[in-house]
C-alpha atoms as a PDB file:
ATOM      1  CA  MET A   1     -56.454  28.012 -35.438  1.00  0.00           C
ATOM      2  CA  PRO A   2     -57.719  28.624 -31.853  1.00  0.00           C
ATOM      3  CA  VAL A   3     -54.944  27.662 -28.957  1.00  0.00           C
ATOM      4  CA  ASP A   4     -55.190  27.487 -25.136  1.00  0.00           C
ATOM      5  CA  LYS A   5     -53.012  29.812 -22.938  1.00  0.00           C
ATOM      6  CA  SER A   6     -50.370  27.260 -23.023  1.00  0.00           C
ATOM      7  CA  ARG A   7     -50.373  27.799 -26.881  1.00  0.00           C
ATOM      8  CA  ARG A   8     -51.535  24.318 -27.715  1.00  0.00           C
ATOM      9  CA  SER A   9     -53.991  23.837 -30.304  1.00  0.00           C
ATOM     10  CA  PRO A  10     -57.061  21.840 -28.799  1.00  0.00           C
ATOM     11  CA  THR A  11     -57.232  19.523 -31.749  1.00  0.00           C
ATOM     12  CA  THR A  12     -53.605  18.440 -32.217  1.00  0.00           C
ATOM     13  CA  SER A  13     -52.314  19.239 -28.468  1.00  0.00           C
ATOM     14  CA  GLN A  14     -48.883  20.387 -30.219  1.00  0.00           C
ATOM     15  CA  THR A  15     -47.300  23.731 -29.609  1.00  0.00           C
ATOM     16  CA  GLU A  16     -47.632  26.246 -32.056  1.00  0.00           C
ATOM     17  CA  ILE A  17     -44.934  29.148 -32.036  1.00  0.00           C
ATOM     18  CA  GLN A  18     -44.987  31.443 -35.129  1.00  0.00           C
ATOM     19  CA  GLY A  19     -41.797  31.099 -37.315  1.00  0.00           C
ATOM     20  CA  VAL A  20     -39.941  28.680 -34.899  1.00  0.00           C
ATOM     21  CA  SER A  21     -39.650  24.912 -35.241  1.00  0.00           C
ATOM     22  CA  LEU A  22     -38.476  22.160 -33.047  1.00  0.00           C
ATOM     23  CA  GLY A  23     -35.522  21.816 -35.223  1.00  0.00           C
ATOM     24  CA  TYR A  24     -34.811  25.420 -35.092  1.00  0.00           C
ATOM     25  CA  ILE A  25     -34.727  25.188 -31.189  1.00  0.00           C
ATOM     26  CA  ASN A  26     -32.454  21.915 -31.089  1.00  0.00           C
ATOM     27  CA  ILE A  27     -29.924  24.040 -33.324  1.00  0.00           C
ATOM     28  CA  ASN A  28     -29.930  27.455 -31.728  1.00  0.00           C
ATOM     29  CA  PHE A  29     -30.877  26.763 -27.954  1.00  0.00           C
ATOM     30  CA  LEU A  30     -29.056  24.760 -25.064  1.00  0.00           C
ATOM     31  CA  ARG A  31     -30.728  21.983 -23.058  1.00  0.00           C
ATOM     32  CA  LYS A  32     -30.329  21.711 -19.463  1.00  0.00           C
ATOM     33  CA  GLY A  33     -26.867  19.781 -18.774  1.00  0.00           C
ATOM     34  CA  GLN A  34     -25.758  20.096 -22.232  1.00  0.00           C
ATOM     35  CA  MET A  35     -22.119  20.674 -22.850  1.00  0.00           C
ATOM     36  CA  ILE A  36     -20.990  23.924 -24.582  1.00  0.00           C
ATOM     37  CA  ASP A  37     -18.136  24.304 -27.145  1.00  0.00           C
ATOM     38  CA  MET A  38     -16.992  27.805 -26.697  1.00  0.00           C
ATOM     39  CA  ASN A  39     -14.400  27.373 -29.546  1.00  0.00           C
ATOM     40  CA  GLY A  40     -11.747  29.416 -27.564  1.00  0.00           C
ATOM     41  CA  LYS A  41     -13.806  32.143 -26.664  1.00  0.00           C
ATOM     42  CA  THR A  42     -14.622  33.512 -23.182  1.00  0.00           C
ATOM     43  CA  ILE A  43     -17.537  34.640 -21.100  1.00  0.00           C
ATOM     44  CA  THR A  44     -17.204  38.306 -20.084  1.00  0.00           C
ATOM     45  CA  ASN A  45     -19.209  40.459 -17.431  1.00  0.00           C
ATOM     46  CA  LEU A  46     -19.943  37.433 -15.444  1.00  0.00           C
ATOM     47  CA  GLY A  47     -22.254  38.132 -12.443  1.00  0.00           C
ATOM     48  CA  SER A  48     -21.446  37.302  -8.615  1.00  0.00           C
ATOM     49  CA  GLY A  49     -22.246  33.767  -8.025  1.00  0.00           C
ATOM     50  CA  GLN A  50     -25.325  33.223  -5.788  1.00  0.00           C
ATOM     51  CA  THR A  51     -25.435  29.449  -5.474  1.00  0.00           C
ATOM     52  CA  PRO A  52     -22.838  26.501  -5.536  1.00  0.00           C
ATOM     53  CA  THR A  53     -23.770  25.746  -9.231  1.00  0.00           C
ATOM     54  CA  ASP A  54     -23.156  29.420 -10.338  1.00  0.00           C
ATOM     55  CA  ALA A  55     -20.020  30.062 -12.829  1.00  0.00           C
ATOM     56  CA  ALA A  56     -17.378  31.948 -10.730  1.00  0.00           C
ATOM     57  CA  ARG A  57     -15.226  34.985 -11.949  1.00  0.00           C
ATOM     58  CA  LYS A  58     -11.349  34.541 -12.267  1.00  0.00           C
ATOM     59  CA  LYS A  59     -10.859  37.087  -9.798  1.00  0.00           C
ATOM     60  CA  TYR A  60     -12.960  35.288  -7.105  1.00  0.00           C
ATOM     61  CA  VAL A  61     -11.077  31.975  -7.940  1.00  0.00           C
ATOM     62  CA  ASN A  62      -7.639  33.620  -7.581  1.00  0.00           C
ATOM     63  CA  GLU A  63      -8.449  35.138  -4.158  1.00  0.00           C
ATOM     64  CA  LYS A  64     -10.038  32.194  -2.619  1.00  0.00           C
ATOM     65  CA  PHE A  65      -7.913  29.311  -3.706  1.00  0.00           C
ATOM     66  CA  LEU A  66      -4.455  28.188  -3.643  1.00  0.00           C
ATOM     67  CA  LYS A  67      -2.321  27.632  -6.604  1.00  0.00           C
ATOM     68  CA  LYS A  68      -0.748  24.244  -6.838  1.00  0.00           C
ATOM     69  CA  GLY A  69       2.840  24.632  -6.016  1.00  0.00           C
ATOM     70  CA  GLY A  70       2.470  28.065  -4.914  1.00  0.00           C
ATOM     71  CA  PRO A  71       3.787  29.729  -1.709  1.00  0.00           C
ATOM     72  CA  ILE A  72       1.007  29.876   1.280  1.00  0.00           C
ATOM     73  CA  ASP A  73       0.996  33.222   3.094  1.00  0.00           C
ATOM     74  CA  MET A  74      -0.600  32.616   6.299  1.00  0.00           C
ATOM     75  CA  GLN A  75      -0.458  36.098   7.512  1.00  0.00           C
ATOM     76  CA  ASN A  76       1.006  35.190  10.906  1.00  0.00           C
ATOM     77  CA  LYS A  77      -1.484  32.940  11.684  1.00  0.00           C
ATOM     78  CA  PRO A  78      -0.760  29.413  12.988  1.00  0.00           C
ATOM     79  CA  ILE A  79      -1.594  25.930  11.523  1.00  0.00           C
ATOM     80  CA  LYS A  80      -3.825  23.891  13.909  1.00  0.00           C
ATOM     81  CA  ILE A  81      -4.998  20.332  14.070  1.00  0.00           C
ATOM     82  CA  VAL A  82      -1.997  18.650  12.316  1.00  0.00           C
ATOM     83  CA  LEU A  83      -1.873  14.948  11.925  1.00  0.00           C
ATOM     84  CA  ALA A  84       1.196  13.205  13.142  1.00  0.00           C
ATOM     85  CA  PRO A  85       3.622  12.752  10.431  1.00  0.00           C
ATOM     86  CA  VAL A  86       4.089   9.604   8.377  1.00  0.00           C
ATOM     87  CA  ASP A  87       6.191  10.214   5.598  1.00  0.00           C
ATOM     88  CA  GLU A  88       9.426  12.035   5.334  1.00  0.00           C
ATOM     89  CA  GLY A  89       8.109  15.119   3.805  1.00  0.00           C
ATOM     90  CA  ASP A  90       5.001  15.494   5.950  1.00  0.00           C
ATOM     91  CA  ALA A  91       4.619  18.445   8.496  1.00  0.00           C
ATOM     92  CA  ALA A  92       5.551  17.666  12.221  1.00  0.00           C
ATOM     93  CA  THR A  93       3.617  18.908  15.162  1.00  0.00           C
ATOM     94  CA  LYS A  94       5.631  20.659  17.900  1.00  0.00           C
ATOM     95  CA  GLY A  95       4.972  17.936  20.301  1.00  0.00           C
ATOM     96  CA  CYS A  96       6.362  15.544  17.700  1.00  0.00           C
ATOM     97  CA  ARG A  97       9.354  17.556  17.020  1.00  0.00           C
ATOM     98  CA  ASP A  98      10.012  18.107  20.841  1.00  0.00           C
ATOM     99  CA  SER A  99       9.692  14.575  21.629  1.00  0.00           C
ATOM    100  CA  LYS A 100      12.418  13.755  18.843  1.00  0.00           C
ATOM    101  CA  SER A 101      15.138  15.981  20.025  1.00  0.00           C
ATOM    102  CA  VAL A 102      18.663  14.606  19.610  1.00  0.00           C
ATOM    103  CA  GLY A 103      19.591  15.096  23.061  1.00  0.00           C
ATOM    104  CA  GLU A 104      16.803  12.783  24.338  1.00  0.00           C
ATOM    105  CA  SER A 105      17.061   9.833  21.763  1.00  0.00           C
ATOM    106  CA  ASP A 106      19.527   8.074  19.584  1.00  0.00           C
ATOM    107  CA  LEU A 107      20.697   9.672  16.513  1.00  0.00           C
ATOM    108  CA  ASP A 108      21.581   7.016  13.653  1.00  0.00           C
ATOM    109  CA  MET A 109      24.062   8.893  11.260  1.00  0.00           C
ATOM    110  CA  ASN A 110      24.500   5.515   9.318  1.00  0.00           C
ATOM    111  CA  GLY A 111      28.411   5.996   9.417  1.00  0.00           C
ATOM    112  CA  ASN A 112      28.105   9.642   8.027  1.00  0.00           C
ATOM    113  CA  LEU A 113      29.764  12.455   9.696  1.00  0.00           C
ATOM    114  CA  ILE A 114      28.794  15.714  11.177  1.00  0.00           C
ATOM    115  CA  LYS A 115      31.029  18.522   9.190  1.00  0.00           C
ATOM    116  CA  ASN A 116      31.471  22.176   9.300  1.00  0.00           C
ATOM    117  CA  VAL A 117      30.477  22.504  12.936  1.00  0.00           C
ATOM    118  CA  ARG A 118      31.605  26.227  14.302  1.00  0.00           C
ATOM    119  CA  TRP A 119      33.381  27.124  17.251  1.00  0.00           C
ATOM    120  CA  PRO A 120      30.941  26.279  20.302  1.00  0.00           C
ATOM    121  CA  GLU A 121      29.517  29.508  22.199  1.00  0.00           C
ATOM    122  CA  GLU A 122      27.200  27.895  24.641  1.00  0.00           C
ATOM    123  CA  ASP A 123      28.002  24.869  26.920  1.00  0.00           C
ATOM    124  CA  HIS A 124      25.439  22.537  25.364  1.00  0.00           C
ATOM    125  CA  ASP A 125      27.030  23.375  21.789  1.00  0.00           C
ATOM    126  CA  LEU A 126      28.562  20.660  19.745  1.00  0.00           C
ATOM    127  CA  VAL A 127      32.462  20.915  19.743  1.00  0.00           C
ATOM    128  CA  ASN A 128      34.611  20.585  16.592  1.00  0.00           C
ATOM    129  CA  ARG A 129      38.101  18.798  16.672  1.00  0.00           C
ATOM    130  CA  ALA A 130      39.856  21.979  16.550  1.00  0.00           C
ATOM    131  CA  TYR A 131      38.137  22.914  20.076  1.00  0.00           C
ATOM    132  CA  VAL A 132      38.919  19.562  21.498  1.00  0.00           C
ATOM    133  CA  TYR A 133      42.707  19.940  20.487  1.00  0.00           C
ATOM    134  CA  PHE A 134      43.255  23.647  21.379  1.00  0.00           C
ATOM    135  CA  VAL A 135      41.111  24.015  24.656  1.00  0.00           C
ATOM    136  CA  ALA A 136      40.160  20.610  25.963  1.00  0.00           C
ATOM    137  CA  GLY A 137      43.718  19.199  25.390  1.00  0.00           C
ATOM    138  CA  LYS A 138      45.193  21.625  27.687  1.00  0.00           C
ATOM    139  CA  LYS A 139      43.093  20.675  30.657  1.00  0.00           C
ATOM    140  CA  LEU A 140      43.565  17.857  32.934  1.00  0.00           C
ATOM    141  CA  PRO A 141      40.675  15.478  32.969  1.00  0.00           C
ATOM    142  CA  ILE A 142      38.355  15.374  36.068  1.00  0.00           C
ATOM    143  CA  GLU A 143      39.116  11.793  36.672  1.00  0.00           C
ATOM    144  CA  GLY A 144      42.857  12.600  37.006  1.00  0.00           C
ATOM    145  CA  GLY A 145      45.967  11.863  34.889  1.00  0.00           C
ATOM    146  CA  THR A 146      49.501  13.201  34.119  1.00  0.00           C
ATOM    147  CA  MET A 147      50.315  16.061  32.043  1.00  0.00           C
ATOM    148  CA  GLN A 148      53.749  16.692  30.395  1.00  0.00           C
ATOM    149  CA  GLY A 149      55.564  19.568  29.055  1.00  0.00           C
ATOM    150  CA  LEU A 150      55.073  23.313  30.312  1.00  0.00           C
ATOM    151  CA  LEU A 151      52.046  24.260  32.210  1.00  0.00           C
ATOM    152  CA  ASP A 152      50.250  27.282  30.507  1.00  0.00           C
ATOM    153  CA  THR A 153      49.308  29.779  33.036  1.00  0.00           C
ATOM    154  CA  ALA A 154      46.674  31.492  31.046  1.00  0.00           C
END
């Protein structure tokens, strides 16, 4: 039977391929967009992807993407362009943190206490009860007042 260069018969206009039927092709070949059931098998020796739709190697994914819940190594690089925090767990910018310092605004402790304060080292450090009793209790207040007992010359 004569065929043209597209392997079609001029009389039937059907493709003639020796020994291969349409049923064989449908069973043994994939169609564009068709899902592949790998039955637990893997693809090995995958080439480097060239376009966004190419498959990616495991090594590429592990090197280029962060693992959910894993640590982020910034390699001493800063994080820039951070939005202002909204929720309690959000990261805060330096400007936001600096504007919310305790010394410049109210600190609502909701009736809770600050405990385990160490002995102050700098003039701006918080003092504990022991410091007030042993150090400040031995000094005469600037506003004036009276002292009783022996004066400590130390």
